[in-house]
Amino acid sequence: MNETERILEIDRSRIEAMVAGDEEALECFFTEDLTYAHTNGVLDTKATLIDKIRTGAYDYAGIETDEILVKTIGDGAAVLTGTAVLAVRTSAGKTVEIPIRFTSVYVRDDARWKMTAWQSTRTE
């Protein structure tokens, strides 16, 4: 498996952990200084993002990605760009689909790829 495939596999696992609300797994996917900017402008840190997923404030029913391009920078950083559809459960019990375009940055941290930044924008 090459580095691009490895990074994509880690990103898929991160998505699965977010949908499952797996707090323990999420701890391993993000750097301590994560910056996570949502489509509505809300900015989360690693701690606040994981806490909001844990408490159900962010309740992902599914995340389907597409068109992901990986650009590696040296052997210590990678930028992912692509599109996705976020299926989010609302407090009213409805599931809303949000199409987005995203950029995420992964860095090597203790010989493991971890997300250090995320920025997304609605596409409709």
PDB file of N, CA and C in Angstrom:
ATOM      1  N   MET A   1       0.848  -1.178   0.000  1.00  0.00           N
ATOM      2  CA  MET A   1       0.000   0.000   0.000  1.00  0.00           C
ATOM      3  C   MET A   1       0.896   1.244   0.000  1.00  0.00           C
ATOM      4  N   ASN A   2       0.627   2.159  -0.929  1.00  0.00           N
ATOM      5  CA  ASN A   2       1.421   3.384  -0.964  1.00  0.00           C
ATOM      6  C   ASN A   2       0.853   4.421   0.023  1.00  0.00           C
ATOM      7  N   GLU A   3       1.548   5.527   0.190  1.00  0.00           N
ATOM      8  CA  GLU A   3       1.149   6.537   1.187  1.00  0.00           C
ATOM      9  C   GLU A   3      -0.217   7.140   0.883  1.00  0.00           C
ATOM     10  N   THR A   4      -0.521   7.383  -0.386  1.00  0.00           N
ATOM     11  CA  THR A   4      -1.827   7.932  -0.743  1.00  0.00           C
ATOM     12  C   THR A   4      -2.928   6.977  -0.318  1.00  0.00           C
ATOM     13  N   GLU A   5      -2.769   5.700  -0.599  1.00  0.00           N
ATOM     14  CA  GLU A   5      -3.763   4.697  -0.198  1.00  0.00           C
ATOM     15  C   GLU A   5      -3.875   4.615   1.324  1.00  0.00           C
ATOM     16  N   ARG A   6      -2.748   4.710   2.006  1.00  0.00           N
ATOM     17  CA  ARG A   6      -2.736   4.652   3.470  1.00  0.00           C
ATOM     18  C   ARG A   6      -3.506   5.850   4.060  1.00  0.00           C
ATOM     19  N   ILE A   7      -3.272   7.028   3.516  1.00  0.00           N
ATOM     20  CA  ILE A   7      -3.959   8.229   3.998  1.00  0.00           C
ATOM     21  C   ILE A   7      -5.460   8.121   3.743  1.00  0.00           C
ATOM     22  N   LEU A   8      -5.843   7.648   2.561  1.00  0.00           N
ATOM     23  CA  LEU A   8      -7.265   7.490   2.248  1.00  0.00           C
ATOM     24  C   LEU A   8      -7.923   6.461   3.167  1.00  0.00           C
ATOM     25  N   GLU A   9      -7.204   5.407   3.485  1.00  0.00           N
ATOM     26  CA  GLU A   9      -7.732   4.393   4.400  1.00  0.00           C
ATOM     27  C   GLU A   9      -7.934   4.973   5.799  1.00  0.00           C
ATOM     28  N   ILE A  10      -6.980   5.756   6.261  1.00  0.00           N
ATOM     29  CA  ILE A  10      -7.108   6.402   7.576  1.00  0.00           C
ATOM     30  C   ILE A  10      -8.285   7.366   7.565  1.00  0.00           C
ATOM     31  N   ASP A  11      -8.460   8.115   6.478  1.00  0.00           N
ATOM     32  CA  ASP A  11      -9.571   9.053   6.401  1.00  0.00           C
ATOM     33  C   ASP A  11     -10.909   8.319   6.417  1.00  0.00           C
ATOM     34  N   ARG A  12     -11.005   7.194   5.714  1.00  0.00           N
ATOM     35  CA  ARG A  12     -12.240   6.399   5.744  1.00  0.00           C
ATOM     36  C   ARG A  12     -12.516   5.894   7.163  1.00  0.00           C
ATOM     37  N   SER A  13     -11.483   5.475   7.852  1.00  0.00           N
ATOM     38  CA  SER A  13     -11.651   5.003   9.230  1.00  0.00           C
ATOM     39  C   SER A  13     -12.090   6.138  10.150  1.00  0.00           C
ATOM     40  N   ARG A  14     -11.560   7.334   9.927  1.00  0.00           N
ATOM     41  CA  ARG A  14     -11.978   8.511  10.714  1.00  0.00           C
ATOM     42  C   ARG A  14     -13.462   8.773  10.504  1.00  0.00           C
ATOM     43  N   ILE A  15     -13.896   8.702   9.257  1.00  0.00           N
ATOM     44  CA  ILE A  15     -15.311   8.929   8.938  1.00  0.00           C
ATOM     45  C   ILE A  15     -16.182   7.890   9.636  1.00  0.00           C
ATOM     46  N   GLU A  16     -15.781   6.633   9.581  1.00  0.00           N
ATOM     47  CA  GLU A  16     -16.528   5.568  10.256  1.00  0.00           C
ATOM     48  C   GLU A  16     -16.628   5.840  11.752  1.00  0.00           C
ATOM     49  N   ALA A  17     -15.557   6.309  12.358  1.00  0.00           N
ATOM     50  CA  ALA A  17     -15.562   6.613  13.790  1.00  0.00           C
ATOM     51  C   ALA A  17     -16.485   7.788  14.097  1.00  0.00           C
ATOM     52  N   MET A  18     -16.528   8.786  13.222  1.00  0.00           N
ATOM     53  CA  MET A  18     -17.415   9.928  13.435  1.00  0.00           C
ATOM     54  C   MET A  18     -18.876   9.492  13.361  1.00  0.00           C
ATOM     55  N   VAL A  19     -19.207   8.656  12.387  1.00  0.00           N
ATOM     56  CA  VAL A  19     -20.582   8.174  12.238  1.00  0.00           C
ATOM     57  C   VAL A  19     -20.961   7.273  13.419  1.00  0.00           C
ATOM     58  N   ALA A  20     -20.029   6.450  13.864  1.00  0.00           N
ATOM     59  CA  ALA A  20     -20.300   5.544  14.987  1.00  0.00           C
ATOM     60  C   ALA A  20     -20.274   6.257  16.336  1.00  0.00           C
ATOM     61  N   GLY A  21     -19.754   7.486  16.360  1.00  0.00           N
ATOM     62  CA  GLY A  21     -19.615   8.201  17.620  1.00  0.00           C
ATOM     63  C   GLY A  21     -18.578   7.556  18.527  1.00  0.00           C
ATOM     64  N   ASP A  22     -17.556   6.987  17.911  1.00  0.00           N
ATOM     65  CA  ASP A  22     -16.519   6.250  18.646  1.00  0.00           C
ATOM     66  C   ASP A  22     -15.470   7.219  19.177  1.00  0.00           C
ATOM     67  N   GLU A  23     -15.728   7.698  20.366  1.00  0.00           N
ATOM     68  CA  GLU A  23     -14.875   8.707  21.003  1.00  0.00           C
ATOM     69  C   GLU A  23     -13.427   8.239  21.142  1.00  0.00           C
ATOM     70  N   GLU A  24     -13.234   7.004  21.544  1.00  0.00           N
ATOM     71  CA  GLU A  24     -11.886   6.466  21.745  1.00  0.00           C
ATOM     72  C   GLU A  24     -11.107   6.427  20.433  1.00  0.00           C
ATOM     73  N   ALA A  25     -11.751   5.982  19.371  1.00  0.00           N
ATOM     74  CA  ALA A  25     -11.081   5.940  18.064  1.00  0.00           C
ATOM     75  C   ALA A  25     -10.774   7.347  17.569  1.00  0.00           C
ATOM     76  N   LEU A  26     -11.709   8.278  17.775  1.00  0.00           N
ATOM     77  CA  LEU A  26     -11.501   9.651  17.300  1.00  0.00           C
ATOM     78  C   LEU A  26     -10.281  10.297  17.934  1.00  0.00           C
ATOM     79  N   GLU A  27      -9.992   9.954  19.166  1.00  0.00           N
ATOM     80  CA  GLU A  27      -8.803  10.486  19.839  1.00  0.00           C
ATOM     81  C   GLU A  27      -7.537  10.213  19.031  1.00  0.00           C
ATOM     82  N   CYS A  28      -7.512   9.115  18.297  1.00  0.00           N
ATOM     83  CA  CYS A  28      -6.323   8.708  17.535  1.00  0.00           C
ATOM     84  C   CYS A  28      -6.230   9.362  16.157  1.00  0.00           C
ATOM     85  N   PHE A  29      -7.321   9.925  15.663  1.00  0.00           N
ATOM     86  CA  PHE A  29      -7.335  10.444  14.297  1.00  0.00           C
ATOM     87  C   PHE A  29      -6.978  11.920  14.182  1.00  0.00           C
ATOM     88  N   PHE A  30      -6.976  12.662  15.294  1.00  0.00           N
ATOM     89  CA  PHE A  30      -6.762  14.104  15.250  1.00  0.00           C
ATOM     90  C   PHE A  30      -5.518  14.502  16.035  1.00  0.00           C
ATOM     91  N   THR A  31      -4.822  15.527  15.544  1.00  0.00           N
ATOM     92  CA  THR A  31      -3.726  16.096  16.321  1.00  0.00           C
ATOM     93  C   THR A  31      -4.324  16.874  17.490  1.00  0.00           C
ATOM     94  N   GLU A  32      -3.503  17.123  18.504  1.00  0.00           N
ATOM     95  CA  GLU A  32      -3.975  17.853  19.682  1.00  0.00           C
ATOM     96  C   GLU A  32      -4.391  19.278  19.339  1.00  0.00           C
ATOM     97  N   ASP A  33      -3.776  19.858  18.294  1.00  0.00           N
ATOM     98  CA  ASP A  33      -4.086  21.241  17.921  1.00  0.00           C
ATOM     99  C   ASP A  33      -5.027  21.331  16.710  1.00  0.00           C
ATOM    100  N   LEU A  34      -5.899  20.340  16.546  1.00  0.00           N
ATOM    101  CA  LEU A  34      -6.855  20.316  15.431  1.00  0.00           C
ATOM    102  C   LEU A  34      -7.655  21.613  15.339  1.00  0.00           C
ATOM    103  N   THR A  35      -7.840  22.076  14.097  1.00  0.00           N
ATOM    104  CA  THR A  35      -8.746  23.176  13.780  1.00  0.00           C
ATOM    105  C   THR A  35      -9.782  22.616  12.818  1.00  0.00           C
ATOM    106  N   TYR A  36     -11.047  22.600  13.216  1.00  0.00           N
ATOM    107  CA  TYR A  36     -12.114  21.973  12.439  1.00  0.00           C
ATOM    108  C   TYR A  36     -13.197  23.015  12.173  1.00  0.00           C
ATOM    109  N   ALA A  37     -13.219  23.550  10.947  1.00  0.00           N
ATOM    110  CA  ALA A  37     -14.167  24.596  10.578  1.00  0.00           C
ATOM    111  C   ALA A  37     -15.324  23.992   9.786  1.00  0.00           C
ATOM    112  N   HIS A  38     -16.525  24.116  10.334  1.00  0.00           N
ATOM    113  CA  HIS A  38     -17.738  23.570   9.725  1.00  0.00           C
ATOM    114  C   HIS A  38     -18.294  24.518   8.660  1.00  0.00           C
ATOM    115  N   THR A  39     -19.258  24.024   7.891  1.00  0.00           N
ATOM    116  CA  THR A  39     -19.856  24.822   6.816  1.00  0.00           C
ATOM    117  C   THR A  39     -20.569  26.064   7.331  1.00  0.00           C
ATOM    118  N   ASN A  40     -21.013  26.042   8.587  1.00  0.00           N
ATOM    119  CA  ASN A  40     -21.727  27.188   9.150  1.00  0.00           C
ATOM    120  C   ASN A  40     -20.800  28.180   9.855  1.00  0.00           C
ATOM    121  N   GLY A  41     -19.488  27.948   9.744  1.00  0.00           N
ATOM    122  CA  GLY A  41     -18.528  28.853  10.351  1.00  0.00           C
ATOM    123  C   GLY A  41     -18.131  28.506  11.771  1.00  0.00           C
ATOM    124  N   VAL A  42     -18.780  27.521  12.368  1.00  0.00           N
ATOM    125  CA  VAL A  42     -18.418  27.099  13.728  1.00  0.00           C
ATOM    126  C   VAL A  42     -17.037  26.454  13.682  1.00  0.00           C
ATOM    127  N   LEU A  43     -16.210  26.811  14.635  1.00  0.00           N
ATOM    128  CA  LEU A  43     -14.850  26.298  14.719  1.00  0.00           C
ATOM    129  C   LEU A  43     -14.726  25.412  15.952  1.00  0.00           C
ATOM    130  N   ASP A  44     -14.232  24.199  15.747  1.00  0.00           N
ATOM    131  CA  ASP A  44     -14.024  23.273  16.853  1.00  0.00           C
ATOM    132  C   ASP A  44     -12.557  22.926  16.994  1.00  0.00           C
ATOM    133  N   THR A  45     -12.197  22.576  18.221  1.00  0.00           N
ATOM    134  CA  THR A  45     -10.898  21.991  18.521  1.00  0.00           C
ATOM    135  C   THR A  45     -11.096  20.475  18.590  1.00  0.00           C
ATOM    136  N   LYS A  46     -10.029  19.752  18.804  1.00  0.00           N
ATOM    137  CA  LYS A  46     -10.149  18.303  18.972  1.00  0.00           C
ATOM    138  C   LYS A  46     -11.109  17.998  20.122  1.00  0.00           C
ATOM    139  N   ALA A  47     -10.893  18.643  21.252  1.00  0.00           N
ATOM    140  CA  ALA A  47     -11.716  18.360  22.434  1.00  0.00           C
ATOM    141  C   ALA A  47     -13.181  18.705  22.213  1.00  0.00           C
ATOM    142  N   THR A  48     -13.461  19.866  21.619  1.00  0.00           N
ATOM    143  CA  THR A  48     -14.867  20.262  21.452  1.00  0.00           C
ATOM    144  C   THR A  48     -15.557  19.413  20.394  1.00  0.00           C
ATOM    145  N   LEU A  49     -14.847  19.057  19.334  1.00  0.00           N
ATOM    146  CA  LEU A  49     -15.443  18.218  18.289  1.00  0.00           C
ATOM    147  C   LEU A  49     -15.810  16.849  18.852  1.00  0.00           C
ATOM    148  N   ILE A  50     -14.877  16.210  19.531  1.00  0.00           N
ATOM    149  CA  ILE A  50     -15.147  14.884  20.083  1.00  0.00           C
ATOM    150  C   ILE A  50     -16.255  14.957  21.129  1.00  0.00           C
ATOM    151  N   ASP A  51     -16.262  16.004  21.938  1.00  0.00           N
ATOM    152  CA  ASP A  51     -17.305  16.150  22.954  1.00  0.00           C
ATOM    153  C   ASP A  51     -18.679  16.315  22.304  1.00  0.00           C
ATOM    154  N   LYS A  52     -18.772  17.108  21.247  1.00  0.00           N
ATOM    155  CA  LYS A  52     -20.057  17.319  20.576  1.00  0.00           C
ATOM    156  C   LYS A  52     -20.547  16.044  19.888  1.00  0.00           C
ATOM    157  N   ILE A  53     -19.629  15.232  19.381  1.00  0.00           N
ATOM    158  CA  ILE A  53     -20.026  13.943  18.813  1.00  0.00           C
ATOM    159  C   ILE A  53     -20.472  13.007  19.932  1.00  0.00           C
ATOM    160  N   ARG A  54     -19.738  12.991  21.027  1.00  0.00           N
ATOM    161  CA  ARG A  54     -20.069  12.129  22.170  1.00  0.00           C
ATOM    162  C   ARG A  54     -21.443  12.445  22.738  1.00  0.00           C
ATOM    163  N   THR A  55     -21.767  13.737  22.859  1.00  0.00           N
ATOM    164  CA  THR A  55     -23.040  14.139  23.467  1.00  0.00           C
ATOM    165  C   THR A  55     -24.208  14.129  22.486  1.00  0.00           C
ATOM    166  N   GLY A  56     -23.931  13.939  21.204  1.00  0.00           N
ATOM    167  CA  GLY A  56     -24.999  13.931  20.208  1.00  0.00           C
ATOM    168  C   GLY A  56     -25.311  15.297  19.641  1.00  0.00           C
ATOM    169  N   ALA A  57     -24.577  16.332  20.057  1.00  0.00           N
ATOM    170  CA  ALA A  57     -24.776  17.658  19.472  1.00  0.00           C
ATOM    171  C   ALA A  57     -24.489  17.607  17.974  1.00  0.00           C
ATOM    172  N   TYR A  58     -23.490  16.797  17.589  1.00  0.00           N
ATOM    173  CA  TYR A  58     -23.238  16.472  16.186  1.00  0.00           C
ATOM    174  C   TYR A  58     -23.549  14.999  16.049  1.00  0.00           C
ATOM    175  N   ASP A  59     -24.569  14.683  15.247  1.00  0.00           N
ATOM    176  CA  ASP A  59     -25.012  13.298  15.097  1.00  0.00           C
ATOM    177  C   ASP A  59     -24.993  12.943  13.613  1.00  0.00           C
ATOM    178  N   TYR A  60     -23.885  12.361  13.188  1.00  0.00           N
ATOM    179  CA  TYR A  60     -23.722  12.000  11.780  1.00  0.00           C
ATOM    180  C   TYR A  60     -24.360  10.644  11.512  1.00  0.00           C
ATOM    181  N   ALA A  61     -25.351  10.621  10.614  1.00  0.00           N
ATOM    182  CA  ALA A  61     -25.989   9.367  10.203  1.00  0.00           C
ATOM    183  C   ALA A  61     -25.169   8.700   9.112  1.00  0.00           C
ATOM    184  N   GLY A  62     -24.398   9.486   8.384  1.00  0.00           N
ATOM    185  CA  GLY A  62     -23.558   8.959   7.322  1.00  0.00           C
ATOM    186  C   GLY A  62     -22.749  10.066   6.685  1.00  0.00           C
ATOM    187  N   ILE A  63     -21.629   9.686   6.104  1.00  0.00           N
ATOM    188  CA  ILE A  63     -20.781  10.625   5.374  1.00  0.00           C
ATOM    189  C   ILE A  63     -20.279   9.886   4.142  1.00  0.00           C
ATOM    190  N   GLU A  64     -20.675  10.363   2.985  1.00  0.00           N
ATOM    191  CA  GLU A  64     -20.254   9.748   1.720  1.00  0.00           C
ATOM    192  C   GLU A  64     -19.330  10.716   0.988  1.00  0.00           C
ATOM    193  N   THR A  65     -18.088  10.301   0.776  1.00  0.00           N
ATOM    194  CA  THR A  65     -17.122  11.161   0.090  1.00  0.00           C
ATOM    195  C   THR A  65     -16.993  10.767  -1.377  1.00  0.00           C
ATOM    196  N   ASP A  66     -16.477  11.696  -2.168  1.00  0.00           N
ATOM    197  CA  ASP A  66     -16.283  11.462  -3.593  1.00  0.00           C
ATOM    198  C   ASP A  66     -15.180  12.410  -4.078  1.00  0.00           C
ATOM    199  N   GLU A  67     -14.585  12.054  -5.180  1.00  0.00           N
ATOM    200  CA  GLU A  67     -13.617  12.922  -5.857  1.00  0.00           C
ATOM    201  C   GLU A  67     -12.472  13.359  -4.951  1.00  0.00           C
ATOM    202  N   ILE A  68     -12.002  12.479  -4.063  1.00  0.00           N
ATOM    203  CA  ILE A  68     -10.927  12.879  -3.156  1.00  0.00           C
ATOM    204  C   ILE A  68      -9.583  12.831  -3.878  1.00  0.00           C
ATOM    205  N   LEU A  69      -8.884  13.940  -3.819  1.00  0.00           N
ATOM    206  CA  LEU A  69      -7.527  14.032  -4.340  1.00  0.00           C
ATOM    207  C   LEU A  69      -6.584  14.203  -3.159  1.00  0.00           C
ATOM    208  N   VAL A  70      -5.471  13.509  -3.195  1.00  0.00           N
ATOM    209  CA  VAL A  70      -4.475  13.603  -2.135  1.00  0.00           C
ATOM    210  C   VAL A  70      -3.208  14.203  -2.713  1.00  0.00           C
ATOM    211  N   LYS A  71      -2.739  15.265  -2.095  1.00  0.00           N
ATOM    212  CA  LYS A  71      -1.488  15.898  -2.493  1.00  0.00           C
ATOM    213  C   LYS A  71      -0.530  15.786  -1.315  1.00  0.00           C
ATOM    214  N   THR A  72       0.498  14.964  -1.467  1.00  0.00           N
ATOM    215  CA  THR A  72       1.470  14.840  -0.381  1.00  0.00           C
ATOM    216  C   THR A  72       2.502  15.945  -0.503  1.00  0.00           C
ATOM    217  N   ILE A  73       2.966  16.402   0.647  1.00  0.00           N
ATOM    218  CA  ILE A  73       3.968  17.458   0.711  1.00  0.00           C
ATOM    219  C   ILE A  73       5.126  16.890   1.515  1.00  0.00           C
ATOM    220  N   GLY A  74       6.191  16.554   0.816  1.00  0.00           N
ATOM    221  CA  GLY A  74       7.294  15.883   1.467  1.00  0.00           C
ATOM    222  C   GLY A  74       6.821  14.550   2.016  1.00  0.00           C
ATOM    223  N   ASP A  75       7.383  14.137   3.131  1.00  0.00           N
ATOM    224  CA  ASP A  75       6.930  12.878   3.719  1.00  0.00           C
ATOM    225  C   ASP A  75       6.184  13.107   5.027  1.00  0.00           C
ATOM    226  N   GLY A  76       5.801  14.375   5.291  1.00  0.00           N
ATOM    227  CA  GLY A  76       5.171  14.653   6.573  1.00  0.00           C
ATOM    228  C   GLY A  76       3.831  15.344   6.531  1.00  0.00           C
ATOM    229  N   ALA A  77       3.324  15.660   5.334  1.00  0.00           N
ATOM    230  CA  ALA A  77       2.034  16.351   5.259  1.00  0.00           C
ATOM    231  C   ALA A  77       1.293  15.926   3.999  1.00  0.00           C
ATOM    232  N   ALA A  78      -0.028  16.002   4.071  1.00  0.00           N
ATOM    233  CA  ALA A  78      -0.868  15.694   2.922  1.00  0.00           C
ATOM    234  C   ALA A  78      -2.122  16.554   2.984  1.00  0.00           C
ATOM    235  N   VAL A  79      -2.529  17.045   1.812  1.00  0.00           N
ATOM    236  CA  VAL A  79      -3.744  17.839   1.698  1.00  0.00           C
ATOM    237  C   VAL A  79      -4.751  17.019   0.904  1.00  0.00           C
ATOM    238  N   LEU A  80      -5.948  16.842   1.463  1.00  0.00           N
ATOM    239  CA  LEU A  80      -7.022  16.136   0.787  1.00  0.00           C
ATOM    240  C   LEU A  80      -8.074  17.145   0.385  1.00  0.00           C
ATOM    241  N   THR A  81      -8.560  17.049  -0.840  1.00  0.00           N
ATOM    242  CA  THR A  81      -9.679  17.862  -1.288  1.00  0.00           C
ATOM    243  C   THR A  81     -10.698  16.930  -1.901  1.00  0.00           C
ATOM    244  N   GLY A  82     -11.953  17.291  -1.795  1.00  0.00           N
ATOM    245  CA  GLY A  82     -12.990  16.443  -2.375  1.00  0.00           C
ATOM    246  C   GLY A  82     -14.368  16.974  -2.073  1.00  0.00           C
ATOM    247  N   THR A  83     -15.344  16.137  -2.381  1.00  0.00           N
ATOM    248  CA  THR A  83     -16.731  16.452  -2.092  1.00  0.00           C
ATOM    249  C   THR A  83     -17.286  15.377  -1.171  1.00  0.00           C
ATOM    250  N   ALA A  84     -18.367  15.716  -0.510  1.00  0.00           N
ATOM    251  CA  ALA A  84     -19.016  14.752   0.375  1.00  0.00           C
ATOM    252  C   ALA A  84     -20.470  15.150   0.559  1.00  0.00           C
ATOM    253  N   VAL A  85     -21.243  14.195   1.008  1.00  0.00           N
ATOM    254  CA  VAL A  85     -22.602  14.468   1.460  1.00  0.00           C
ATOM    255  C   VAL A  85     -22.660  14.004   2.909  1.00  0.00           C
ATOM    256  N   LEU A  86     -22.947  14.957   3.791  1.00  0.00           N
ATOM    257  CA  LEU A  86     -23.085  14.662   5.215  1.00  0.00           C
ATOM    258  C   LEU A  86     -24.555  14.415   5.502  1.00  0.00           C
ATOM    259  N   ALA A  87     -24.874  13.285   6.069  1.00  0.00           N
ATOM    260  CA  ALA A  87     -26.232  13.014   6.534  1.00  0.00           C
ATOM    261  C   ALA A  87     -26.209  13.257   8.037  1.00  0.00           C
ATOM    262  N   VAL A  88     -26.917  14.302   8.470  1.00  0.00           N
ATOM    263  CA  VAL A  88     -26.873  14.741   9.862  1.00  0.00           C
ATOM    264  C   VAL A  88     -28.268  14.617  10.465  1.00  0.00           C
ATOM    265  N   ARG A  89     -28.338  13.996  11.640  1.00  0.00           N
ATOM    266  CA  ARG A  89     -29.613  13.902  12.355  1.00  0.00           C
ATOM    267  C   ARG A  89     -29.830  15.194  13.142  1.00  0.00           C
ATOM    268  N   THR A  90     -31.013  15.755  13.009  1.00  0.00           N
ATOM    269  CA  THR A  90     -31.345  16.979  13.740  1.00  0.00           C
ATOM    270  C   THR A  90     -31.960  16.630  15.087  1.00  0.00           C
ATOM    271  N   SER A  91     -32.094  17.632  15.938  1.00  0.00           N
ATOM    272  CA  SER A  91     -32.714  17.416  17.249  1.00  0.00           C
ATOM    273  C   SER A  91     -34.182  17.016  17.107  1.00  0.00           C
ATOM    274  N   ALA A  92     -34.795  17.317  15.964  1.00  0.00           N
ATOM    275  CA  ALA A  92     -36.194  16.941  15.711  1.00  0.00           C
ATOM    276  C   ALA A  92     -36.307  15.507  15.182  1.00  0.00           C
ATOM    277  N   GLY A  93     -35.158  14.840  15.046  1.00  0.00           N
ATOM    278  CA  GLY A  93     -35.187  13.455  14.588  1.00  0.00           C
ATOM    279  C   GLY A  93     -35.148  13.272  13.080  1.00  0.00           C
ATOM    280  N   LYS A  94     -35.056  14.357  12.350  1.00  0.00           N
ATOM    281  CA  LYS A  94     -34.960  14.279  10.893  1.00  0.00           C
ATOM    282  C   LYS A  94     -33.505  14.105  10.495  1.00  0.00           C
ATOM    283  N   THR A  95     -33.289  13.505   9.322  1.00  0.00           N
ATOM    284  CA  THR A  95     -31.947  13.427   8.758  1.00  0.00           C
ATOM    285  C   THR A  95     -31.875  14.398   7.585  1.00  0.00           C
ATOM    286  N   VAL A  96     -30.913  15.283   7.647  1.00  0.00           N
ATOM    287  CA  VAL A  96     -30.720  16.304   6.617  1.00  0.00           C
ATOM    288  C   VAL A  96     -29.426  15.995   5.883  1.00  0.00           C
ATOM    289  N   GLU A  97     -29.469  16.058   4.558  1.00  0.00           N
ATOM    290  CA  GLU A  97     -28.263  15.841   3.768  1.00  0.00           C
ATOM    291  C   GLU A  97     -27.653  17.179   3.380  1.00  0.00           C
ATOM    292  N   ILE A  98     -26.353  17.292   3.619  1.00  0.00           N
ATOM    293  CA  ILE A  98     -25.640  18.536   3.347  1.00  0.00           C
ATOM    294  C   ILE A  98     -24.496  18.235   2.380  1.00  0.00           C
ATOM    295  N   PRO A  99     -24.612  18.695   1.127  1.00  0.00           N
ATOM    296  CA  PRO A  99     -23.505  18.499   0.188  1.00  0.00           C
ATOM    297  C   PRO A  99     -22.408  19.534   0.446  1.00  0.00           C
ATOM    298  N   ILE A 100     -21.165  19.063   0.461  1.00  0.00           N
ATOM    299  CA  ILE A 100     -20.048  19.968   0.769  1.00  0.00           C
ATOM    300  C   ILE A 100     -18.873  19.726  -0.162  1.00  0.00           C
ATOM    301  N   ARG A 101     -17.977  20.693  -0.169  1.00  0.00           N
ATOM    302  CA  ARG A 101     -16.631  20.560  -0.715  1.00  0.00           C
ATOM    303  C   ARG A 101     -15.712  20.800   0.466  1.00  0.00           C
ATOM    304  N   PHE A 102     -14.653  20.001   0.577  1.00  0.00           N
ATOM    305  CA  PHE A 102     -13.803  20.104   1.758  1.00  0.00           C
ATOM    306  C   PHE A 102     -12.325  20.098   1.404  1.00  0.00           C
ATOM    307  N   THR A 103     -11.560  20.618   2.331  1.00  0.00           N
ATOM    308  CA  THR A 103     -10.106  20.508   2.332  1.00  0.00           C
ATOM    309  C   THR A 103      -9.719  20.045   3.726  1.00  0.00           C
ATOM    310  N   SER A 104      -8.896  19.012   3.795  1.00  0.00           N
ATOM    311  CA  SER A 104      -8.378  18.575   5.088  1.00  0.00           C
ATOM    312  C   SER A 104      -6.876  18.396   4.972  1.00  0.00           C
ATOM    313  N   VAL A 105      -6.209  18.598   6.090  1.00  0.00           N
ATOM    314  CA  VAL A 105      -4.756  18.487   6.132  1.00  0.00           C
ATOM    315  C   VAL A 105      -4.384  17.414   7.143  1.00  0.00           C
ATOM    316  N   TYR A 106      -3.566  16.490   6.695  1.00  0.00           N
ATOM    317  CA  TYR A 106      -3.036  15.445   7.563  1.00  0.00           C
ATOM    318  C   TYR A 106      -1.538  15.660   7.722  1.00  0.00           C
ATOM    319  N   VAL A 107      -1.039  15.352   8.905  1.00  0.00           N
ATOM    320  CA  VAL A 107       0.397  15.408   9.167  1.00  0.00           C
ATOM    321  C   VAL A 107       0.816  14.111   9.854  1.00  0.00           C
ATOM    322  N   ARG A 108       2.092  13.802   9.713  1.00  0.00           N
ATOM    323  CA  ARG A 108       2.621  12.659  10.461  1.00  0.00           C
ATOM    324  C   ARG A 108       2.822  13.104  11.901  1.00  0.00           C
ATOM    325  N   ASP A 109       2.272  12.331  12.798  1.00  0.00           N
ATOM    326  CA  ASP A 109       2.389  12.607  14.227  1.00  0.00           C
ATOM    327  C   ASP A 109       2.714  11.281  14.892  1.00  0.00           C
ATOM    328  N   ASP A 110       3.927  11.154  15.412  1.00  0.00           N
ATOM    329  CA  ASP A 110       4.374   9.887  15.990  1.00  0.00           C
ATOM    330  C   ASP A 110       4.255   8.750  14.982  1.00  0.00           C
ATOM    331  N   ALA A 111       4.699   8.992  13.756  1.00  0.00           N
ATOM    332  CA  ALA A 111       4.723   8.007  12.672  1.00  0.00           C
ATOM    333  C   ALA A 111       3.329   7.581  12.214  1.00  0.00           C
ATOM    334  N   ARG A 112       2.296   8.308  12.606  1.00  0.00           N
ATOM    335  CA  ARG A 112       0.930   7.999  12.191  1.00  0.00           C
ATOM    336  C   ARG A 112       0.330   9.247  11.553  1.00  0.00           C
ATOM    337  N   TRP A 113      -0.455   9.069  10.502  1.00  0.00           N
ATOM    338  CA  TRP A 113      -1.126  10.193   9.873  1.00  0.00           C
ATOM    339  C   TRP A 113      -2.316  10.615  10.732  1.00  0.00           C
ATOM    340  N   LYS A 114      -2.390  11.936  11.029  1.00  0.00           N
ATOM    341  CA  LYS A 114      -3.503  12.479  11.803  1.00  0.00           C
ATOM    342  C   LYS A 114      -3.998  13.757  11.148  1.00  0.00           C
ATOM    343  N   MET A 115      -5.299  13.987  11.238  1.00  0.00           N
ATOM    344  CA  MET A 115      -5.869  15.216  10.692  1.00  0.00           C
ATOM    345  C   MET A 115      -5.548  16.370  11.635  1.00  0.00           C
ATOM    346  N   THR A 116      -5.058  17.467  11.046  1.00  0.00           N
ATOM    347  CA  THR A 116      -4.755  18.655  11.843  1.00  0.00           C
ATOM    348  C   THR A 116      -5.641  19.842  11.477  1.00  0.00           C
ATOM    349  N   ALA A 117      -6.295  19.772  10.279  1.00  0.00           N
ATOM    350  CA  ALA A 117      -7.189  20.876   9.877  1.00  0.00           C
ATOM    351  C   ALA A 117      -8.259  20.366   8.930  1.00  0.00           C
ATOM    352  N   TRP A 118      -9.437  20.998   9.025  1.00  0.00           N
ATOM    353  CA  TRP A 118     -10.589  20.691   8.169  1.00  0.00           C
ATOM    354  C   TRP A 118     -11.311  21.992   7.894  1.00  0.00           C
ATOM    355  N   GLN A 119     -11.718  22.181   6.652  1.00  0.00           N
ATOM    356  CA  GLN A 119     -12.526  23.335   6.256  1.00  0.00           C
ATOM    357  C   GLN A 119     -13.513  22.844   5.215  1.00  0.00           C
ATOM    358  N   SER A 120     -14.785  23.147   5.402  1.00  0.00           N
ATOM    359  CA  SER A 120     -15.790  22.703   4.436  1.00  0.00           C
ATOM    360  C   SER A 120     -16.731  23.849   4.067  1.00  0.00           C
ATOM    361  N   THR A 121     -17.275  23.718   2.869  1.00  0.00           N
ATOM    362  CA  THR A 121     -18.208  24.712   2.341  1.00  0.00           C
ATOM    363  C   THR A 121     -19.377  23.992   1.702  1.00  0.00           C
ATOM    364  N   ARG A 122     -20.586  24.467   1.953  1.00  0.00           N
ATOM    365  CA  ARG A 122     -21.762  23.886   1.291  1.00  0.00           C
ATOM    366  C   ARG A 122     -21.651  24.101  -0.210  1.00  0.00           C
ATOM    367  N   THR A 123     -22.162  23.131  -0.965  1.00  0.00           N
ATOM    368  CA  THR A 123     -22.120  23.269  -2.419  1.00  0.00           C
ATOM    369  C   THR A 123     -23.475  23.569  -3.021  1.00  0.00           C
ATOM    370  N   GLU A 124     -24.500  23.726  -2.190  1.00  0.00           N
ATOM    371  CA  GLU A 124     -25.799  24.153  -2.738  1.00  0.00           C
ATOM    372  C   GLU A 124     -26.434  25.176  -1.858  1.00  0.00           C
TER     373      GLU A 124
END
